[in-house]
mmCIF file of all heavy atoms, coordinates in Angstrom:
data_MODEL
# 
_entry.id   MODEL 
# 
loop_
_atom_site.group_PDB 
_atom_site.id 
_atom_site.type_symbol 
_atom_site.label_atom_id 
_atom_site.label_alt_id 
_atom_site.label_comp_id 
_atom_site.label_asym_id 
_atom_site.label_entity_id 
_atom_site.label_seq_id 
_atom_site.pdbx_PDB_ins_code 
_atom_site.Cartn_x 
_atom_site.Cartn_y 
_atom_site.Cartn_z 
_atom_site.occupancy 
_atom_site.B_iso_or_equiv 
_atom_site.pdbx_formal_charge 
_atom_site.auth_seq_id 
_atom_site.auth_comp_id 
_atom_site.auth_asym_id 
_atom_site.auth_atom_id 
_atom_site.pdbx_PDB_model_num 
ATOM 1   N N   . SER A 1 1  ? 0.858  -1.182 0.000  1.00 0.00 ? 1  SER A N   1 
ATOM 2   C CA  . SER A 1 1  ? 0.000  0.000  0.000  1.00 0.00 ? 1  SER A CA  1 
ATOM 3   C C   . SER A 1 1  ? 0.893  1.231  0.000  1.00 0.00 ? 1  SER A C   1 
ATOM 4   O O   . SER A 1 1  ? 2.064  1.172  0.361  1.00 0.00 ? 1  SER A O   1 
ATOM 5   C CB  . SER A 1 1  ? -0.918 0.014  1.227  1.00 0.00 ? 1  SER A CB  1 
ATOM 6   O OG  . SER A 1 1  ? -0.185 0.316  2.406  1.00 0.00 ? 1  SER A OG  1 
ATOM 7   N N   . MET A 1 2  ? 0.320  2.368  -0.411 1.00 0.00 ? 2  MET A N   1 
ATOM 8   C CA  . MET A 1 2  ? 1.128  3.571  -0.489 1.00 0.00 ? 2  MET A CA  1 
ATOM 9   C C   . MET A 1 2  ? 1.606  4.014  0.890  1.00 0.00 ? 2  MET A C   1 
ATOM 10  O O   . MET A 1 2  ? 2.740  4.498  1.040  1.00 0.00 ? 2  MET A O   1 
ATOM 11  C CB  . MET A 1 2  ? 0.326  4.692  -1.161 1.00 0.00 ? 2  MET A CB  1 
ATOM 12  C CG  . MET A 1 2  ? 1.161  5.896  -1.509 1.00 0.00 ? 2  MET A CG  1 
ATOM 13  S SD  . MET A 1 2  ? 2.575  5.520  -2.576 1.00 0.00 ? 2  MET A SD  1 
ATOM 14  C CE  . MET A 1 2  ? 1.751  5.239  -4.124 1.00 0.00 ? 2  MET A CE  1 
ATOM 15  N N   . GLU A 1 3  ? 0.769  3.831  1.926  1.00 0.00 ? 3  GLU A N   1 
ATOM 16  C CA  . GLU A 1 3  ? 1.225  4.193  3.274  1.00 0.00 ? 3  GLU A CA  1 
ATOM 17  C C   . GLU A 1 3  ? 2.442  3.372  3.677  1.00 0.00 ? 3  GLU A C   1 
ATOM 18  O O   . GLU A 1 3  ? 3.421  3.905  4.218  1.00 0.00 ? 3  GLU A O   1 
ATOM 19  C CB  . GLU A 1 3  ? 0.111  3.973  4.308  1.00 0.00 ? 3  GLU A CB  1 
ATOM 20  C CG  . GLU A 1 3  ? -1.160 4.754  4.039  1.00 0.00 ? 3  GLU A CG  1 
ATOM 21  C CD  . GLU A 1 3  ? -2.216 3.874  3.412  1.00 0.00 ? 3  GLU A CD  1 
ATOM 22  O OE1 . GLU A 1 3  ? -1.860 3.139  2.452  1.00 0.00 ? 3  GLU A OE1 1 
ATOM 23  O OE2 . GLU A 1 3  ? -3.369 3.912  3.862  1.00 0.00 ? 3  GLU A OE2 1 
ATOM 24  N N   . ASP A 1 4  ? 2.389  2.061  3.429  1.00 0.00 ? 4  ASP A N   1 
ATOM 25  C CA  . ASP A 1 4  ? 3.508  1.190  3.791  1.00 0.00 ? 4  ASP A CA  1 
ATOM 26  C C   . ASP A 1 4  ? 4.754  1.526  2.978  1.00 0.00 ? 4  ASP A C   1 
ATOM 27  O O   . ASP A 1 4  ? 5.877  1.489  3.493  1.00 0.00 ? 4  ASP A O   1 
ATOM 28  C CB  . ASP A 1 4  ? 3.133  -0.277 3.584  1.00 0.00 ? 4  ASP A CB  1 
ATOM 29  C CG  . ASP A 1 4  ? 1.979  -0.718 4.475  1.00 0.00 ? 4  ASP A CG  1 
ATOM 30  O OD1 . ASP A 1 4  ? 1.826  -0.133 5.566  1.00 0.00 ? 4  ASP A OD1 1 
ATOM 31  O OD2 . ASP A 1 4  ? 1.238  -1.632 4.085  1.00 0.00 ? 4  ASP A OD2 1 
ATOM 32  N N   . PHE A 1 5  ? 4.559  1.848  1.712  1.00 0.00 ? 5  PHE A N   1 
ATOM 33  C CA  . PHE A 1 5  ? 5.664  2.224  0.833  1.00 0.00 ? 5  PHE A CA  1 
ATOM 34  C C   . PHE A 1 5  ? 6.384  3.459  1.381  1.00 0.00 ? 5  PHE A C   1 
ATOM 35  O O   . PHE A 1 5  ? 7.619  3.502  1.470  1.00 0.00 ? 5  PHE A O   1 
ATOM 36  C CB  . PHE A 1 5  ? 5.108  2.489  -0.567 1.00 0.00 ? 5  PHE A CB  1 
ATOM 37  C CG  . PHE A 1 5  ? 6.123  2.872  -1.602 1.00 0.00 ? 5  PHE A CG  1 
ATOM 38  C CD1 . PHE A 1 5  ? 6.923  1.921  -2.200 1.00 0.00 ? 5  PHE A CD1 1 
ATOM 39  C CD2 . PHE A 1 5  ? 6.260  4.196  -1.993 1.00 0.00 ? 5  PHE A CD2 1 
ATOM 40  C CE1 . PHE A 1 5  ? 7.847  2.275  -3.175 1.00 0.00 ? 5  PHE A CE1 1 
ATOM 41  C CE2 . PHE A 1 5  ? 7.176  4.566  -2.962 1.00 0.00 ? 5  PHE A CE2 1 
ATOM 42  C CZ  . PHE A 1 5  ? 7.975  3.601  -3.555 1.00 0.00 ? 5  PHE A CZ  1 
ATOM 43  N N   . VAL A 1 6  ? 5.610  4.470  1.767  1.00 0.00 ? 6  VAL A N   1 
ATOM 44  C CA  . VAL A 1 6  ? 6.194  5.717  2.271  1.00 0.00 ? 6  VAL A CA  1 
ATOM 45  C C   . VAL A 1 6  ? 6.844  5.494  3.635  1.00 0.00 ? 6  VAL A C   1 
ATOM 46  O O   . VAL A 1 6  ? 7.943  5.988  3.896  1.00 0.00 ? 6  VAL A O   1 
ATOM 47  C CB  . VAL A 1 6  ? 5.121  6.816  2.334  1.00 0.00 ? 6  VAL A CB  1 
ATOM 48  C CG1 . VAL A 1 6  ? 5.652  8.038  3.079  1.00 0.00 ? 6  VAL A CG1 1 
ATOM 49  C CG2 . VAL A 1 6  ? 4.680  7.210  0.933  1.00 0.00 ? 6  VAL A CG2 1 
ATOM 50  N N   . ARG A 1 7  ? 6.186  4.726  4.516  1.00 0.00 ? 7  ARG A N   1 
ATOM 51  C CA  . ARG A 1 7  ? 6.779  4.456  5.832  1.00 0.00 ? 7  ARG A CA  1 
ATOM 52  C C   . ARG A 1 7  ? 8.114  3.722  5.688  1.00 0.00 ? 7  ARG A C   1 
ATOM 53  O O   . ARG A 1 7  ? 9.060  3.982  6.433  1.00 0.00 ? 7  ARG A O   1 
ATOM 54  C CB  . ARG A 1 7  ? 5.820  3.623  6.680  1.00 0.00 ? 7  ARG A CB  1 
ATOM 55  C CG  . ARG A 1 7  ? 4.619  4.388  7.204  1.00 0.00 ? 7  ARG A CG  1 
ATOM 56  C CD  . ARG A 1 7  ? 3.908  3.613  8.293  1.00 0.00 ? 7  ARG A CD  1 
ATOM 57  N NE  . ARG A 1 7  ? 2.558  4.103  8.493  1.00 0.00 ? 7  ARG A NE  1 
ATOM 58  C CZ  . ARG A 1 7  ? 1.462  3.512  8.033  1.00 0.00 ? 7  ARG A CZ  1 
ATOM 59  N NH1 . ARG A 1 7  ? 1.552  2.374  7.363  1.00 0.00 ? 7  ARG A NH1 1 
ATOM 60  N NH2 . ARG A 1 7  ? 0.270  4.027  8.264  1.00 0.00 ? 7  ARG A NH2 1 
ATOM 61  N N   . GLN A 1 8  ? 8.174  2.807  4.735  1.00 0.00 ? 8  GLN A N   1 
ATOM 62  C CA  . GLN A 1 8  ? 9.424  2.077  4.507  1.00 0.00 ? 8  GLN A CA  1 
ATOM 63  C C   . GLN A 1 8  ? 10.533 3.035  4.094  1.00 0.00 ? 8  GLN A C   1 
ATOM 64  O O   . GLN A 1 8  ? 11.659 2.980  4.618  1.00 0.00 ? 8  GLN A O   1 
ATOM 65  C CB  . GLN A 1 8  ? 9.206  1.022  3.424  1.00 0.00 ? 8  GLN A CB  1 
ATOM 66  C CG  . GLN A 1 8  ? 10.387 0.127  3.162  1.00 0.00 ? 8  GLN A CG  1 
ATOM 67  C CD  . GLN A 1 8  ? 10.110 -0.817 1.996  1.00 0.00 ? 8  GLN A CD  1 
ATOM 68  O OE1 . GLN A 1 8  ? 9.885  -0.389 0.868  1.00 0.00 ? 8  GLN A OE1 1 
ATOM 69  N NE2 . GLN A 1 8  ? 10.104 -2.120 2.270  1.00 0.00 ? 8  GLN A NE2 1 
ATOM 70  N N   . ARG A 1 9  ? 10.228 3.953  3.168  1.00 0.00 ? 9  ARG A N   1 
ATOM 71  C CA  . ARG A 1 9  ? 11.239 4.930  2.739  1.00 0.00 ? 9  ARG A CA  1 
ATOM 72  C C   . ARG A 1 9  ? 11.597 5.885  3.872  1.00 0.00 ? 9  ARG A C   1 
ATOM 73  O O   . ARG A 1 9  ? 12.757 6.297  4.002  1.00 0.00 ? 9  ARG A O   1 
ATOM 74  C CB  . ARG A 1 9  ? 10.715 5.729  1.548  1.00 0.00 ? 9  ARG A CB  1 
ATOM 75  C CG  . ARG A 1 9  ? 11.083 5.190  0.180  1.00 0.00 ? 9  ARG A CG  1 
ATOM 76  C CD  . ARG A 1 9  ? 10.631 3.802  -0.027 1.00 0.00 ? 9  ARG A CD  1 
ATOM 77  N NE  . ARG A 1 9  ? 11.022 3.273  -1.319 1.00 0.00 ? 9  ARG A NE  1 
ATOM 78  C CZ  . ARG A 1 9  ? 10.750 2.035  -1.715 1.00 0.00 ? 9  ARG A CZ  1 
ATOM 79  N NH1 . ARG A 1 9  ? 10.109 1.199  -0.898 1.00 0.00 ? 9  ARG A NH1 1 
ATOM 80  N NH2 . ARG A 1 9  ? 11.134 1.605  -2.896 1.00 0.00 ? 9  ARG A NH2 1 
ATOM 81  N N   . GLN A 1 10 ? 10.637 6.240  4.693  1.00 0.00 ? 10 GLN A N   1 
ATOM 82  C CA  . GLN A 1 10 ? 10.953 7.094  5.843  1.00 0.00 ? 10 GLN A CA  1 
ATOM 83  C C   . GLN A 1 10 ? 11.898 6.384  6.800  1.00 0.00 ? 10 GLN A C   1 
ATOM 84  O O   . GLN A 1 10 ? 12.816 6.993  7.352  1.00 0.00 ? 10 GLN A O   1 
ATOM 85  C CB  . GLN A 1 10 ? 9.659  7.485  6.564  1.00 0.00 ? 10 GLN A CB  1 
ATOM 86  C CG  . GLN A 1 10 ? 8.825  8.516  5.827  1.00 0.00 ? 10 GLN A CG  1 
ATOM 87  C CD  . GLN A 1 10 ? 7.540  8.842  6.559  1.00 0.00 ? 10 GLN A CD  1 
ATOM 88  O OE1 . GLN A 1 10 ? 6.788  7.953  6.978  1.00 0.00 ? 10 GLN A OE1 1 
ATOM 89  N NE2 . GLN A 1 10 ? 7.269  10.129 6.743  1.00 0.00 ? 10 GLN A NE2 1 
ATOM 90  N N   . ARG A 1 11 ? 11.683 5.084  6.979  1.00 0.00 ? 11 ARG A N   1 
ATOM 91  C CA  . ARG A 1 11 ? 12.574 4.313  7.861  1.00 0.00 ? 11 ARG A CA  1 
ATOM 92  C C   . ARG A 1 11 ? 13.978 4.259  7.284  1.00 0.00 ? 11 ARG A C   1 
ATOM 93  O O   . ARG A 1 11 ? 14.966 4.425  8.006  1.00 0.00 ? 11 ARG A O   1 
ATOM 94  C CB  . ARG A 1 11 ? 12.017 2.900  8.046  1.00 0.00 ? 11 ARG A CB  1 
ATOM 95  C CG  . ARG A 1 11 ? 12.758 2.084  9.103  1.00 0.00 ? 11 ARG A CG  1 
ATOM 96  C CD  . ARG A 1 11 ? 12.147 0.721  9.294  1.00 0.00 ? 11 ARG A CD  1 
ATOM 97  N NE  . ARG A 1 11 ? 12.453 -0.186 8.210  1.00 0.00 ? 11 ARG A NE  1 
ATOM 98  C CZ  . ARG A 1 11 ? 11.553 -0.771 7.437  1.00 0.00 ? 11 ARG A CZ  1 
ATOM 99  N NH1 . ARG A 1 11 ? 10.270 -0.541 7.606  1.00 0.00 ? 11 ARG A NH1 1 
ATOM 100 N NH2 . ARG A 1 11 ? 11.922 -1.591 6.462  1.00 0.00 ? 11 ARG A NH2 1 
ATOM 101 N N   . TRP A 1 12 ? 14.078 4.049  5.966  1.00 0.00 ? 12 TRP A N   1 
ATOM 102 C CA  . TRP A 1 12 ? 15.398 4.033  5.332  1.00 0.00 ? 12 TRP A CA  1 
ATOM 103 C C   . TRP A 1 12 ? 16.076 5.390  5.480  1.00 0.00 ? 12 TRP A C   1 
ATOM 104 O O   . TRP A 1 12 ? 17.281 5.476  5.758  1.00 0.00 ? 12 TRP A O   1 
ATOM 105 C CB  . TRP A 1 12 ? 15.271 3.686  3.854  1.00 0.00 ? 12 TRP A CB  1 
ATOM 106 C CG  . TRP A 1 12 ? 14.789 2.292  3.586  1.00 0.00 ? 12 TRP A CG  1 
ATOM 107 C CD1 . TRP A 1 12 ? 14.625 1.281  4.491  1.00 0.00 ? 12 TRP A CD1 1 
ATOM 108 C CD2 . TRP A 1 12 ? 14.406 1.753  2.313  1.00 0.00 ? 12 TRP A CD2 1 
ATOM 109 N NE1 . TRP A 1 12 ? 14.164 0.147  3.870  1.00 0.00 ? 12 TRP A NE1 1 
ATOM 110 C CE2 . TRP A 1 12 ? 14.017 0.412  2.538  1.00 0.00 ? 12 TRP A CE2 1 
ATOM 111 C CE3 . TRP A 1 12 ? 14.330 2.270  1.027  1.00 0.00 ? 12 TRP A CE3 1 
ATOM 112 C CZ2 . TRP A 1 12 ? 13.574 -0.418 1.500  1.00 0.00 ? 12 TRP A CZ2 1 
ATOM 113 C CZ3 . TRP A 1 12 ? 13.895 1.447  -0.001 1.00 0.00 ? 12 TRP A CZ3 1 
ATOM 114 C CH2 . TRP A 1 12 ? 13.527 0.112  0.234  1.00 0.00 ? 12 TRP A CH2 1 
ATOM 115 N N   . ALA A 1 13 ? 15.315 6.462  5.261  1.00 0.00 ? 13 ALA A N   1 
ATOM 116 C CA  . ALA A 1 13 ? 15.884 7.809  5.385  1.00 0.00 ? 13 ALA A CA  1 
ATOM 117 C C   . ALA A 1 13 ? 16.347 8.069  6.814  1.00 0.00 ? 13 ALA A C   1 
ATOM 118 O O   . ALA A 1 13 ? 17.463 8.573  7.033  1.00 0.00 ? 13 ALA A O   1 
ATOM 119 C CB  . ALA A 1 13 ? 14.847 8.853  4.961  1.00 0.00 ? 13 ALA A CB  1 
ATOM 120 N N   . ASN A 1 14 ? 15.506 7.729  7.795  1.00 0.00 ? 14 ASN A N   1 
ATOM 121 C CA  . ASN A 1 14 ? 15.883 7.944  9.196  1.00 0.00 ? 14 ASN A CA  1 
ATOM 122 C C   . ASN A 1 14 ? 17.148 7.170  9.550  1.00 0.00 ? 14 ASN A C   1 
ATOM 123 O O   . ASN A 1 14 ? 18.039 7.690  10.237 1.00 0.00 ? 14 ASN A O   1 
ATOM 124 C CB  . ASN A 1 14 ? 14.738 7.505  10.121 1.00 0.00 ? 14 ASN A CB  1 
ATOM 125 C CG  . ASN A 1 14 ? 13.565 8.462  10.069 1.00 0.00 ? 14 ASN A CG  1 
ATOM 126 O OD1 . ASN A 1 14 ? 13.720 9.632  9.751  1.00 0.00 ? 14 ASN A OD1 1 
ATOM 127 N ND2 . ASN A 1 14 ? 12.381 7.964  10.376 1.00 0.00 ? 14 ASN A ND2 1 
ATOM 128 N N   . GLY A 1 15 ? 17.224 5.918  9.086  1.00 0.00 ? 15 GLY A N   1 
ATOM 129 C CA  . GLY A 1 15 ? 18.392 5.093  9.399  1.00 0.00 ? 15 GLY A CA  1 
ATOM 130 C C   . GLY A 1 15 ? 19.667 5.634  8.783  1.00 0.00 ? 15 GLY A C   1 
ATOM 131 O O   . GLY A 1 15 ? 20.728 5.656  9.424  1.00 0.00 ? 15 GLY A O   1 
ATOM 132 N N   . THR A 1 16 ? 19.569 6.086  7.524  1.00 0.00 ? 16 THR A N   1 
ATOM 133 C CA  . THR A 1 16 ? 20.759 6.614  6.854  1.00 0.00 ? 16 THR A CA  1 
ATOM 134 C C   . THR A 1 16 ? 21.210 7.923  7.494  1.00 0.00 ? 16 THR A C   1 
ATOM 135 O O   . THR A 1 16 ? 22.410 8.146  7.714  1.00 0.00 ? 16 THR A O   1 
ATOM 136 C CB  . THR A 1 16 ? 20.472 6.830  5.357  1.00 0.00 ? 16 THR A CB  1 
ATOM 137 O OG1 . THR A 1 16 ? 19.949 5.625  4.789  1.00 0.00 ? 16 THR A OG1 1 
ATOM 138 C CG2 . THR A 1 16 ? 21.736 7.202  4.611  1.00 0.00 ? 16 THR A CG2 1 
ATOM 139 N N   . LEU A 1 17 ? 20.260 8.787  7.817  1.00 0.00 ? 17 LEU A N   1 
ATOM 140 C CA  . LEU A 1 17 ? 20.614 10.061 8.441  1.00 0.00 ? 17 LEU A CA  1 
ATOM 141 C C   . LEU A 1 17 ? 21.156 9.848  9.852  1.00 0.00 ? 17 LEU A C   1 
ATOM 142 O O   . LEU A 1 17 ? 22.091 10.539 10.277 1.00 0.00 ? 17 LEU A O   1 
ATOM 143 C CB  . LEU A 1 17 ? 19.392 10.977 8.475  1.00 0.00 ? 17 LEU A CB  1 
ATOM 144 C CG  . LEU A 1 17 ? 18.874 11.432 7.101  1.00 0.00 ? 17 LEU A CG  1 
ATOM 145 C CD1 . LEU A 1 17 ? 17.548 12.164 7.249  1.00 0.00 ? 17 LEU A CD1 1 
ATOM 146 C CD2 . LEU A 1 17 ? 19.892 12.321 6.409  1.00 0.00 ? 17 LEU A CD2 1 
ATOM 147 N N   . GLN A 1 18 ? 20.571 8.883  10.581 1.00 0.00 ? 18 GLN A N   1 
ATOM 148 C CA  . GLN A 1 18 ? 21.059 8.596  11.934 1.00 0.00 ? 18 GLN A CA  1 
ATOM 149 C C   . GLN A 1 18 ? 22.509 8.136  11.921 1.00 0.00 ? 18 GLN A C   1 
ATOM 150 O O   . GLN A 1 18 ? 23.276 8.391  12.853 1.00 0.00 ? 18 GLN A O   1 
ATOM 151 C CB  . GLN A 1 18 ? 20.170 7.526  12.591 1.00 0.00 ? 18 GLN A CB  1 
ATOM 152 C CG  . GLN A 1 18 ? 20.553 7.179  14.013 1.00 0.00 ? 18 GLN A CG  1 
ATOM 153 C CD  . GLN A 1 18 ? 20.418 5.686  14.310 1.00 0.00 ? 18 GLN A CD  1 
ATOM 154 O OE1 . GLN A 1 18 ? 20.552 4.846  13.415 1.00 0.00 ? 18 GLN A OE1 1 
ATOM 155 N NE2 . GLN A 1 18 ? 20.142 5.354  15.560 1.00 0.00 ? 18 GLN A NE2 1 
ATOM 156 N N   . SER A 1 19 ? 22.910 7.456  10.827 1.00 0.00 ? 19 SER A N   1 
ATOM 157 C CA  . SER A 1 19 ? 24.263 6.897  10.755 1.00 0.00 ? 19 SER A CA  1 
ATOM 158 C C   . SER A 1 19 ? 25.341 7.977  10.806 1.00 0.00 ? 19 SER A C   1 
ATOM 159 O O   . SER A 1 19 ? 26.493 7.692  11.140 1.00 0.00 ? 19 SER A O   1 
ATOM 160 C CB  . SER A 1 19 ? 24.423 6.073  9.471  1.00 0.00 ? 19 SER A CB  1 
ATOM 161 O OG  . SER A 1 19 ? 24.461 6.919  8.320  1.00 0.00 ? 19 SER A OG  1 
ATOM 162 N N   . LEU A 1 20 ? 24.978 9.221  10.477 1.00 0.00 ? 20 LEU A N   1 
ATOM 163 C CA  . LEU A 1 20 ? 25.973 10.298 10.484 1.00 0.00 ? 20 LEU A CA  1 
ATOM 164 C C   . LEU A 1 20 ? 26.586 10.495 11.870 1.00 0.00 ? 20 LEU A C   1 
ATOM 165 O O   . LEU A 1 20 ? 27.742 10.905 11.990 1.00 0.00 ? 20 LEU A O   1 
ATOM 166 C CB  . LEU A 1 20 ? 25.334 11.610 10.013 1.00 0.00 ? 20 LEU A CB  1 
ATOM 167 C CG  . LEU A 1 20 ? 24.940 11.683 8.534  1.00 0.00 ? 20 LEU A CG  1 
ATOM 168 C CD1 . LEU A 1 20 ? 24.210 12.982 8.245  1.00 0.00 ? 20 LEU A CD1 1 
ATOM 169 C CD2 . LEU A 1 20 ? 26.161 11.541 7.639  1.00 0.00 ? 20 LEU A CD2 1 
ATOM 170 N N   . GLY A 1 21 ? 25.820 10.215 12.917 1.00 0.00 ? 21 GLY A N   1 
ATOM 171 C CA  . GLY A 1 21 ? 26.330 10.415 14.265 1.00 0.00 ? 21 GLY A CA  1 
ATOM 172 C C   . GLY A 1 21 ? 26.900 9.183  14.913 1.00 0.00 ? 21 GLY A C   1 
ATOM 173 O O   . GLY A 1 21 ? 27.315 9.229  16.085 1.00 0.00 ? 21 GLY A O   1 
ATOM 174 N N   . LEU A 1 22 ? 26.939 8.051  14.187 1.00 0.00 ? 22 LEU A N   1 
ATOM 175 C CA  . LEU A 1 22 ? 27.410 6.795  14.772 1.00 0.00 ? 22 LEU A CA  1 
ATOM 176 C C   . LEU A 1 22 ? 28.906 6.596  14.527 1.00 0.00 ? 22 LEU A C   1 
ATOM 177 O O   . LEU A 1 22 ? 29.439 7.055  13.504 1.00 0.00 ? 22 LEU A O   1 
ATOM 178 C CB  . LEU A 1 22 ? 26.633 5.616  14.177 1.00 0.00 ? 22 LEU A CB  1 
ATOM 179 C CG  . LEU A 1 22 ? 25.120 5.608  14.438 1.00 0.00 ? 22 LEU A CG  1 
ATOM 180 C CD1 . LEU A 1 22 ? 24.459 4.430  13.728 1.00 0.00 ? 22 LEU A CD1 1 
ATOM 181 C CD2 . LEU A 1 22 ? 24.824 5.548  15.935 1.00 0.00 ? 22 LEU A CD2 1 
ATOM 182 N N   . PRO A 1 23 ? 29.586 5.897  15.434 1.00 0.00 ? 23 PRO A N   1 
ATOM 183 C CA  . PRO A 1 23 ? 31.032 5.660  15.256 1.00 0.00 ? 23 PRO A CA  1 
ATOM 184 C C   . PRO A 1 23 ? 31.370 4.936  13.964 1.00 0.00 ? 23 PRO A C   1 
ATOM 185 O O   . PRO A 1 23 ? 32.443 5.146  13.395 1.00 0.00 ? 23 PRO A O   1 
ATOM 186 C CB  . PRO A 1 23 ? 31.404 4.808  16.481 1.00 0.00 ? 23 PRO A CB  1 
ATOM 187 C CG  . PRO A 1 23 ? 30.340 5.093  17.488 1.00 0.00 ? 23 PRO A CG  1 
ATOM 188 C CD  . PRO A 1 23 ? 29.095 5.368  16.718 1.00 0.00 ? 23 PRO A CD  1 
ATOM 189 N N   . HIS A 1 24 ? 30.455 4.067  13.504 1.00 0.00 ? 24 HIS A N   1 
ATOM 190 C CA  . HIS A 1 24 ? 30.700 3.325  12.258 1.00 0.00 ? 24 HIS A CA  1 
ATOM 191 C C   . HIS A 1 24 ? 29.992 3.964  11.065 1.00 0.00 ? 24 HIS A C   1 
ATOM 192 O O   . HIS A 1 24 ? 29.881 3.332  10.006 1.00 0.00 ? 24 HIS A O   1 
ATOM 193 C CB  . HIS A 1 24 ? 30.234 1.871  12.405 1.00 0.00 ? 24 HIS A CB  1 
ATOM 194 C CG  . HIS A 1 24 ? 31.008 1.091  13.424 1.00 0.00 ? 24 HIS A CG  1 
ATOM 195 N ND1 . HIS A 1 24 ? 32.366 0.898  13.341 1.00 0.00 ? 24 HIS A ND1 1 
ATOM 196 C CD2 . HIS A 1 24 ? 30.613 0.449  14.559 1.00 0.00 ? 24 HIS A CD2 1 
ATOM 197 C CE1 . HIS A 1 24 ? 32.784 0.182  14.363 1.00 0.00 ? 24 HIS A CE1 1 
ATOM 198 N NE2 . HIS A 1 24 ? 31.740 -0.106 15.122 1.00 0.00 ? 24 HIS A NE2 1 
ATOM 199 N N   . GLY A 1 25 ? 29.491 5.187  11.227 1.00 0.00 ? 25 GLY A N   1 
ATOM 200 C CA  . GLY A 1 25 ? 28.816 5.867  10.129 1.00 0.00 ? 25 GLY A CA  1 
ATOM 201 C C   . GLY A 1 25 ? 29.787 6.416  9.108  1.00 0.00 ? 25 GLY A C   1 
ATOM 202 O O   . GLY A 1 25 ? 31.009 6.406  9.297  1.00 0.00 ? 25 GLY A O   1 
# 
C-alpha cells in the first residue's frame, strides 16, 4: 500500500541520516 511504501522509505531515510552520528557511520 502507499502508506507502507512511504513508511518504509521514511525508515530508510531515518536510518541513513542517523548513521551520520554513529562511530561506524
